[in-house]
Protein backbone atom coordinates (compact mmCIF):
# COMPACT_ATOMS: atom_id res chain seq x y z
CA MET A 1 1.39 7.48 27.64
CA ASP A 2 -1.53 5.36 28.96
CA ILE A 3 -3.41 2.80 26.91
CA TYR A 4 -6.37 5.09 26.20
CA LYS A 5 -4.19 7.88 24.81
CA ARG A 6 -2.49 5.35 22.55
CA LYS A 7 -5.87 4.01 21.43
CA SER A 8 -7.13 7.51 20.64
CA ARG A 9 -3.96 8.25 18.69
CA TRP A 10 -4.29 5.03 16.70
CA LYS A 11 -7.92 5.91 15.88
CA LEU A 12 -6.74 9.31 14.63
CA TYR A 13 -4.02 7.74 12.49
CA LEU A 14 -6.39 5.14 11.02
CA GLY A 15 -8.98 7.84 10.31
CA MET A 16 -6.38 9.96 8.50
CA ILE A 17 -5.18 6.97 6.46
CA GLY A 18 -8.78 6.09 5.56
CA LEU A 19 -9.47 9.69 4.53
CA LEU A 20 -6.31 9.70 2.40
CA ILE A 21 -7.33 6.45 0.65
CA ILE A 22 -10.82 7.79 -0.06
CA SER A 23 -9.43 11.10 -1.34
CA LEU A 24 -6.97 9.31 -3.66
CA SER A 25 -9.76 7.08 -4.96
CA PHE A 26 -11.98 10.09 -5.71
CA TRP A 27 -9.11 11.99 -7.34
CA TYR A 28 -8.06 9.05 -9.53
CA THR A 29 -11.61 8.25 -10.63
CA ASN A 30 -12.46 11.88 -11.39
CA ASN A 31 -9.24 12.24 -13.36
CA LEU A 32 -10.10 9.10 -15.33
CA VAL A 33 -13.63 10.39 -15.96
CA ARG A 34 -12.24 13.66 -17.34
CA LYS A 35 -9.92 11.77 -19.70
CA LEU A 36 -12.71 9.49 -20.92
CA ALA A 37 -15.03 12.48 -21.39
CA LYS A 38 -12.37 14.13 -23.56
CA GLU A 39 -11.96 10.87 -25.48
CA GLU A 40 -15.71 10.70 -26.14
CA GLU A 41 -15.74 14.31 -27.31
CA ASN A 42 -12.94 13.47 -29.75
CA LYS A 43 -14.95 10.51 -31.05
CA VAL A 44 -17.93 12.75 -31.71
CA ARG A 45 -15.69 15.26 -33.50
CA ILE A 46 -14.23 12.49 -35.68
CA TRP A 47 -17.78 11.38 -36.48
CA SER A 48 -18.70 14.97 -37.43
CA SER A 49 -15.54 15.30 -39.53
CA ALA A 50 -16.43 12.16 -41.44
CA LEU A 51 -19.93 13.50 -42.03
CA THR A 52 -18.54 16.85 -43.24
CA PHE A 53 -16.08 15.10 -45.53
CA MET A 54 -18.88 13.10 -47.12
CA GLN A 55 -20.88 16.27 -47.77
CA LYS A 56 -17.98 18.20 -49.33
CA ASN A 57 -16.63 15.54 -51.69
CA THR A 58 -18.06 13.74 -54.68
CA SER A 59 -18.68 10.06 -54.54
CA GLU A 60 -15.77 9.38 -56.89
CA ASP A 61 -13.35 10.87 -54.36
CA LEU A 62 -14.66 8.94 -51.39
CA ASP A 63 -13.51 5.70 -49.89
CA LEU A 64 -17.02 4.79 -48.67
CA ASP A 65 -15.83 1.78 -46.74
CA LEU A 66 -13.40 3.93 -44.73
CA ILE A 67 -15.98 6.66 -44.06
CA SER A 68 -18.57 4.09 -43.03
CA LEU A 69 -16.05 2.44 -40.73
CA ILE A 70 -15.28 5.76 -39.03
CA GLN A 71 -18.95 6.56 -38.53
CA ASN A 72 -19.79 3.12 -37.19
CA THR A 73 -16.99 3.10 -34.61
CA ASN A 74 -19.25 5.05 -32.23
CA LYS A 75 -21.40 2.41 -30.55
CA THR A 76 -21.68 3.90 -27.07
CA ILE A 77 -22.05 7.71 -27.22
CA PRO A 78 -25.70 8.84 -27.61
CA LEU A 79 -25.97 11.72 -30.11
CA MET A 80 -28.40 13.60 -32.32
CA LEU A 81 -27.77 15.47 -35.56
CA VAL A 82 -30.00 18.58 -35.73
CA ASN A 83 -30.20 21.20 -38.47
CA ASP A 84 -30.44 24.94 -37.84
CA ARG A 85 -34.23 24.77 -38.21
CA GLY A 86 -34.39 22.49 -35.18
CA THR A 87 -35.28 19.38 -37.16
CA ILE A 88 -33.66 16.10 -36.12
CA ASP A 89 -31.74 14.54 -39.02
CA ASP A 90 -30.08 11.57 -37.30
CA ILE A 91 -30.06 9.72 -33.96
CA ARG A 92 -27.57 7.20 -32.58
CA ASN A 93 -27.05 4.92 -29.55
CA PHE A 94 -30.04 5.83 -27.37
CA ASN A 95 -31.33 2.25 -27.23
CA ILE A 96 -34.95 3.37 -27.62
CA GLY A 97 -35.70 1.30 -30.70
CA GLU A 98 -34.09 3.65 -33.21
CA PRO A 99 -32.99 2.20 -36.60
CA SER A 100 -29.53 0.69 -36.89
CA ASP A 101 -26.58 2.60 -38.31
CA THR A 102 -26.96 0.79 -41.64
CA ALA A 103 -30.67 1.61 -42.07
CA SER A 104 -31.73 3.75 -45.03
CA ILE A 105 -32.41 7.47 -44.73
CA GLN A 106 -36.09 6.84 -45.47
CA VAL A 107 -36.44 4.37 -42.57
CA LEU A 108 -34.62 6.79 -40.26
CA GLN A 109 -36.82 9.77 -41.22
CA THR A 110 -39.97 7.68 -40.77
CA TYR A 111 -38.86 6.72 -37.25
CA ILE A 112 -38.04 10.36 -36.39
CA LYS A 113 -41.44 11.60 -37.56
CA LYS A 114 -43.27 8.85 -35.71
CA ASN A 115 -41.48 9.58 -32.41
CA LYS A 116 -41.12 13.34 -32.76
CA VAL A 117 -42.43 14.28 -29.31
CA MET A 118 -40.25 11.79 -27.47
CA LEU A 119 -37.15 12.71 -29.46
CA GLU A 120 -37.68 16.43 -28.85
CA GLU A 121 -37.79 15.76 -25.10
CA ILE A 122 -34.53 13.82 -25.40
CA LEU A 123 -33.04 16.69 -27.41
CA ASN A 124 -33.96 19.15 -24.66
CA ASP A 125 -32.22 16.90 -22.14
CA LEU A 126 -29.13 16.82 -24.35
CA LYS A 127 -29.08 20.62 -24.57
CA ALA A 128 -29.32 20.80 -20.76
CA SER A 129 -26.56 18.24 -20.20
CA GLY A 130 -23.84 20.89 -20.42
CA ASN A 131 -21.93 19.47 -23.40
CA PRO A 132 -21.59 22.24 -26.04
CA PRO A 133 -22.83 21.11 -29.49
CA ILE A 134 -20.38 20.45 -32.29
CA VAL A 135 -21.13 22.65 -35.34
CA ILE A 136 -20.97 21.32 -38.91
CA GLU A 137 -20.83 23.97 -41.68
CA SER A 138 -22.81 23.41 -44.88
CA ALA A 139 -20.77 22.00 -47.78
CA ASP A 140 -22.38 24.33 -50.37
CA ASN A 141 -21.46 27.55 -48.53
CA SER A 142 -25.15 28.37 -48.13
CA GLY A 143 -24.66 29.27 -44.50
CA ASP A 144 -26.76 26.39 -43.24
CA LYS A 145 -25.45 24.55 -40.22
CA GLN A 146 -25.97 21.27 -38.44
CA TYR A 147 -25.40 20.61 -34.75
CA ILE A 148 -24.37 17.43 -33.01
CA TYR A 149 -25.80 17.18 -29.50
CA TYR A 150 -24.47 14.36 -27.38
CA LYS A 151 -24.19 13.08 -23.84
CA HIS A 152 -21.67 10.85 -22.19
CA SER A 153 -21.94 7.11 -22.52
CA THR A 154 -23.58 4.91 -19.90
CA LEU A 155 -20.16 3.54 -18.97
CA LEU A 156 -18.76 7.00 -18.27
CA ASN A 157 -21.82 8.05 -16.26
CA SER A 158 -21.60 4.86 -14.22
CA LEU A 159 -17.92 5.48 -13.60
CA LYS A 160 -18.74 8.85 -12.01
CA TYR A 161 -20.63 7.07 -9.25
CA TYR A 162 -18.01 4.36 -8.75
CA PRO A 163 -16.12 6.12 -5.89
CA TYR A 164 -19.37 6.66 -3.98
CA ILE A 165 -20.43 3.03 -4.41
CA GLN A 166 -16.93 1.91 -3.46
CA PHE A 167 -17.01 4.13 -0.38
CA LEU A 168 -20.41 2.79 0.70
CA LEU A 169 -19.37 -0.85 0.24
CA ILE A 170 -16.09 -0.38 2.10
CA SER A 171 -17.88 1.51 4.88
CA ALA A 172 -20.50 -1.24 5.18
CA PHE A 173 -17.77 -3.89 5.33
CA ILE A 174 -15.82 -1.96 7.97
CA LEU A 175 -19.00 -1.41 10.01
CA LEU A 176 -19.94 -5.09 9.92
CA ALA A 177 -16.37 -6.09 10.77
CA TYR A 178 -16.30 -3.61 13.65
CA ILE A 179 -19.61 -4.88 15.02
CA GLY A 180 -18.40 -8.48 14.78
CA PHE A 181 -15.02 -7.84 16.40
CA SER A 182 -16.58 -5.57 19.03
CA SER A 183 -19.14 -8.23 19.99
CA SER A 184 -16.41 -10.86 20.17
CA ARG A 185 -14.21 -8.58 22.27
CA LYS A 186 -17.05 -7.76 24.66
CA ALA A 187 -17.91 -11.43 25.04
CA GLU A 188 -14.26 -12.17 25.84
CA GLN A 189 -14.18 -9.29 28.34
CA ASN A 190 -17.31 -10.66 30.00
CA ARG A 191 -15.69 -14.08 30.41
CA VAL A 192 -12.60 -12.45 31.92
CA TRP A 193 -14.73 -10.37 34.30
CA VAL A 194 -16.73 -13.37 35.44
CA GLY A 195 -13.68 -15.58 35.89
CA MET A 196 -11.73 -12.92 37.78
CA ALA A 197 -14.68 -12.06 40.04
CA LYS A 198 -15.45 -15.66 40.96
CA GLU A 199 -11.79 -16.44 41.62
CA THR A 200 -11.54 -13.33 43.83
CA ALA A 201 -14.59 -14.45 45.82
CA HIS A 202 -13.10 -17.91 46.20
CA GLN A 203 -9.73 -16.55 47.38
CA LEU A 204 -11.39 -14.22 49.90
CA GLY A 205 -13.53 -16.95 51.40
CA THR A 206 -10.86 -18.81 53.42
CA PRO A 207 -9.13 -15.83 55.15
CA ILE A 208 -12.49 -14.23 55.97
CA SER A 209 -13.66 -17.40 57.69
CA ALA A 210 -10.39 -17.54 59.62
CA ILE A 211 -10.69 -13.89 60.76
CA ILE A 212 -14.25 -14.49 61.97
CA ALA A 213 -13.04 -17.46 63.98
CA TRP A 214 -10.25 -15.41 65.58
CA ILE A 215 -12.68 -12.60 66.51
CA GLU A 216 -15.00 -15.06 68.22
CA HIS A 217 -12.02 -16.59 69.98
CA LEU A 218 -10.89 -13.18 71.33
CA LYS A 219 -14.36 -12.48 72.70
CA GLN A 220 -13.96 -15.39 75.11
CA PHE A 221 -11.25 -13.61 77.11
CA SER A 222 -13.63 -11.05 78.71
CA PRO A 223 -12.07 -7.96 77.08
CA ASP A 224 -12.55 -4.46 78.47
CA GLU A 225 -14.99 -1.94 77.01
CA VAL A 226 -12.52 -0.44 74.52
CA THR A 227 -11.45 -3.84 73.22
CA THR A 228 -15.08 -4.91 72.94
CA GLU A 229 -15.82 -1.85 70.81
CA ILE A 230 -12.82 -2.62 68.62
CA LEU A 231 -13.94 -6.22 68.18
CA TYR A 232 -17.45 -5.01 67.32
CA GLU A 233 -16.18 -2.68 64.59
CA LEU A 234 -13.78 -5.36 63.39
CA ARG A 235 -16.68 -7.81 63.09
CA ASN A 236 -18.65 -5.20 61.11
CA ASP A 237 -15.76 -4.77 58.69
CA VAL A 238 -15.41 -8.52 58.29
CA SER A 239 -19.14 -8.71 57.58
CA LYS A 240 -18.53 -6.11 54.91
CA LEU A 241 -15.77 -8.28 53.48
CA GLU A 242 -18.21 -11.19 53.39
CA LEU A 243 -20.62 -8.96 51.49
CA VAL A 244 -17.88 -7.97 49.04
CA ALA A 245 -17.02 -11.62 48.43
CA ASP A 246 -20.71 -12.36 47.94
CA ARG A 247 -20.96 -9.53 45.42
CA PHE A 248 -17.99 -10.84 43.47
CA SER A 249 -19.52 -14.32 43.42
CA LYS A 250 -22.69 -12.87 41.86
CA ILE A 251 -20.81 -11.39 38.88
CA GLY A 252 -21.79 -13.45 35.85
CA ALA A 253 -24.82 -14.97 37.57
CA GLU A 254 -28.36 -13.75 37.07
CA PRO A 255 -28.91 -11.30 39.95
CA GLU A 256 -32.07 -11.28 42.05
CA PHE A 257 -34.04 -8.05 41.89
CA THR A 258 -36.39 -6.63 44.48
CA LYS A 259 -38.53 -3.52 44.60
CA SER A 260 -36.42 -1.27 46.84
CA ASN A 261 -36.63 2.22 48.28
CA LEU A 262 -33.63 4.08 46.89
CA TYR A 263 -33.57 6.51 49.83
CA GLU A 264 -32.95 3.62 52.25
CA LEU A 265 -30.22 2.06 50.10
CA LEU A 266 -28.42 5.38 49.72
CA GLU A 267 -28.69 6.03 53.46
CA ARG A 268 -27.12 2.65 54.32
CA SER A 269 -24.17 3.41 52.06
CA ARG A 270 -23.82 6.89 53.59
CA GLN A 271 -23.76 5.51 57.13
CA TYR A 272 -21.11 2.95 56.27
CA MET A 273 -18.83 5.41 54.44
CA GLN A 274 -19.29 8.30 56.90
CA ARG A 275 -17.94 6.21 59.78
CA ARG A 276 -14.77 5.66 57.75
CA ALA A 277 -14.42 9.16 56.31
CA PRO A 278 -12.20 11.94 57.72
CA ARG A 279 -13.91 14.26 60.19
CA LYS A 280 -13.58 17.26 57.85
CA VAL A 281 -15.78 15.61 55.24
CA ASN A 282 -19.47 16.54 55.47
CA PHE A 283 -22.24 14.38 54.04
CA GLU A 284 -25.37 16.18 52.83
CA PHE A 285 -27.87 13.46 51.94
CA PRO A 286 -31.70 13.41 51.72
CA ASN A 287 -33.82 12.26 54.64
CA PRO A 288 -34.59 8.54 54.16
CA GLN A 289 -38.10 9.21 55.53
CA LEU A 290 -39.08 11.18 52.41
CA THR A 291 -41.74 9.79 50.07
CA PRO A 292 -40.16 6.58 48.73
CA ILE A 293 -38.86 6.33 45.18
CA TYR A 294 -38.73 2.71 44.05
CA ALA A 295 -36.73 0.74 41.50
CA ASN A 296 -36.19 -2.96 40.85
CA VAL A 297 -32.59 -3.49 41.93
CA ASN A 298 -30.18 -5.96 43.38
CA GLU A 299 -29.51 -4.22 46.67
CA HIS A 300 -26.04 -5.68 47.24
CA LEU A 301 -24.79 -4.64 43.80
CA LEU A 302 -26.36 -1.18 43.87
CA GLU A 303 -24.90 -0.45 47.32
CA TRP A 304 -21.55 -1.50 45.90
CA VAL A 305 -21.93 1.16 43.19
CA PHE A 306 -22.88 3.81 45.76
CA GLU A 307 -19.91 2.97 47.98
CA ASN A 308 -17.52 2.96 45.04
CA LEU A 309 -18.62 6.45 43.98
CA LEU A 310 -18.43 7.72 47.57
CA ARG A 311 -14.96 6.25 47.99
CA ASN A 312 -13.80 7.94 44.79
CA SER A 313 -15.23 11.24 46.07
CA LEU A 314 -13.26 10.88 49.32
CA ASP A 315 -10.08 10.24 47.35
CA ALA A 316 -10.72 13.25 45.09
CA MET A 317 -11.26 15.66 48.00
CA GLY A 318 -8.10 14.78 49.91
CA GLY A 319 -9.76 14.49 53.32
CA GLU A 320 -11.81 17.70 53.32
CA GLY A 321 -14.98 18.86 51.57
CA VAL A 322 -18.65 18.06 51.03
CA ILE A 323 -20.30 14.99 49.51
CA SER A 324 -23.93 15.46 48.49
CA GLY A 325 -26.65 13.06 47.42
CA ASN A 326 -29.97 13.68 45.70
CA ILE A 327 -32.76 11.44 44.38
CA TYR A 328 -35.43 12.61 41.94
CA ILE A 329 -37.68 11.42 39.11
CA GLU A 330 -37.09 12.32 35.46
CA ASN A 331 -38.85 10.84 32.40
CA ASN A 332 -39.87 7.59 34.14
CA PHE A 333 -36.38 7.14 35.55
CA ALA A 334 -35.30 7.24 39.16
CA CYS A 335 -32.18 9.43 39.17
CA ILE A 336 -29.48 9.51 41.84
CA ASP A 337 -26.93 12.35 41.82
CA LEU A 338 -23.75 11.97 43.88
CA SER A 339 -21.54 15.06 43.92
CA ASP A 340 -18.35 16.12 45.66
CA THR A 341 -16.11 19.17 45.98
CA GLY A 342 -13.03 17.38 44.70
CA LYS A 343 -10.58 18.28 41.96
CA GLY A 344 -12.87 17.34 39.07
CA ILE A 345 -12.55 15.29 35.88
CA PRO A 346 -11.51 16.71 32.47
CA PRO A 347 -14.41 16.61 29.94
CA SER A 348 -12.28 14.46 27.63
CA LYS A 349 -12.26 11.74 30.30
CA PHE A 350 -16.02 11.62 31.01
CA LYS A 351 -16.32 8.30 29.16
CA THR A 352 -12.79 7.03 29.69
CA VAL A 353 -13.23 6.84 33.48
CA PHE A 354 -15.58 3.88 32.95
CA GLU A 355 -13.04 1.93 30.88
CA PRO A 356 -11.29 -0.97 32.66
CA GLY A 357 -7.76 -0.11 33.69
CA TYR A 358 -8.19 3.66 33.76
CA SER A 359 -7.13 5.20 37.07
CA THR A 360 -5.57 8.44 38.31
CA LYS A 361 -4.34 6.74 41.47
CA LEU A 362 -0.73 5.64 41.69
CA ARG A 363 -1.64 2.08 42.63
CA GLY A 364 -5.21 2.07 41.35
CA TRP A 365 -6.47 -0.88 39.35
CA GLY A 366 -9.06 1.13 37.44
CA LEU A 367 -11.82 -1.44 37.95
CA GLY A 368 -14.24 0.28 40.34
CA LEU A 369 -16.09 2.53 37.89
CA SER A 370 -15.86 -0.11 35.18
CA LEU A 371 -17.67 -2.57 37.47
CA ALA A 372 -20.16 0.14 38.44
CA HIS A 373 -20.86 0.77 34.75
CA ARG A 374 -21.39 -2.94 34.17
CA ILE A 375 -23.71 -3.28 37.18
CA ILE A 376 -25.89 -0.31 36.21
CA ASN A 377 -25.94 -0.63 32.41
CA PHE A 378 -25.76 -4.39 31.96
CA TYR A 379 -27.63 -5.78 34.96
CA HIS A 380 -30.06 -2.98 35.81
CA LYS A 381 -30.63 -1.68 32.24
CA GLY A 382 -29.92 1.84 33.45
CA LYS A 383 -27.26 4.48 32.86
CA ILE A 384 -24.35 5.88 34.82
CA PHE A 385 -22.40 8.89 33.59
CA VAL A 386 -20.55 12.04 34.59
CA LYS A 387 -23.23 14.73 34.60
CA LYS A 388 -20.82 17.63 35.00
CA SER A 389 -17.39 18.35 36.39
CA SER A 390 -15.15 21.32 37.09
CA PRO A 391 -12.14 22.11 39.29
CA GLU A 392 -14.71 22.71 42.07
CA GLY A 393 -16.20 19.21 41.95
CA THR A 394 -17.89 16.40 40.05
CA VAL A 395 -21.46 15.08 39.75
CA PHE A 396 -22.12 11.43 38.85
CA THR A 397 -25.67 10.48 37.84
CA ILE A 398 -27.29 7.04 37.98
CA LYS A 399 -30.56 6.46 36.12
CA LEU A 400 -32.70 3.40 36.89
CA PRO A 401 -36.09 2.42 35.45
CA LEU A 402 -38.74 3.75 37.82
CA VAL A 403 -41.19 1.43 39.59
CA ASN A 404 -44.44 2.92 40.80
CA GLY A 405 -45.07 2.72 44.53
């Protein structure tokens, strides 16, 4: 199992664990809310029982201190006592300036009359809250009834939203942590890329210089025509190696950009790769004499990207097929399509192919497309992606900011 499959599996496991934790939190909180709601309903029923007991018994039979204690234990549940004519007889715990529990009946009735409109609106809200009223039968068997309308306490209502607030806070923390760790990881990757590239350029420098010296030395022996041609091609390849070393040395440095004709750059890459491609591979590229399409690019780095994509196409086709190129303008971007008739890329790998270390080759390093992605996205502020792929071939697209001619 490669590193990217393991990473995807770990993401799945972590997502499932996170979902389980969130589900347990919601279940526990909702269960607690139900229990507290039942507890509040019981408190209201006890309050109504105390009120009923006071109405049915004479004052000599009552322990007024005990009854008062029972009634005053409710300090959090908002409730209204309403008779069957719709008149409000009592109001508790709304925190809207209502009289205290120990206020006289006269003070309470004066407050209710003065704030009748507001209290009726509150009563309508209580009726719509979904809590069924608790009925109190008249003590004199007259058939009159009173109703206690109530709603849940502020604490219970706040507790209902606790899982959502908890989820948002945890999500925000995870997001900030991810952004921080991701930025740190990318910065570390950049340092590794720069260090590796510069060291590679340094290591290539000495043997390249030695090969150039040997080629010039061999030219002094008056070689025949075939040998001269071989030395010429060998010198071209060494020049290419010099260019590769120069490209590596530029990784991490601020590249120099010039306004360049993309047709000409693509044609140079085609010429170089076609000379080294099998004879059964056909290149179908646009005429470089077409109306120029310009972009601000570093020519060395962009040609590197072209050659890397063309080399991957050659590997995918197994020595036979067609490689096509196309340049066009779309939404102020200069777009380059490079397609082949190779074996294709699975849709699940469209993004993975640009990750460092990913390769389908037995001895591949998996750095080519990763470097191409860095060159296009990071240096040129463009995009490179797999446009489409099937068993009949693959199309890579490069988008670069367009420069008017």
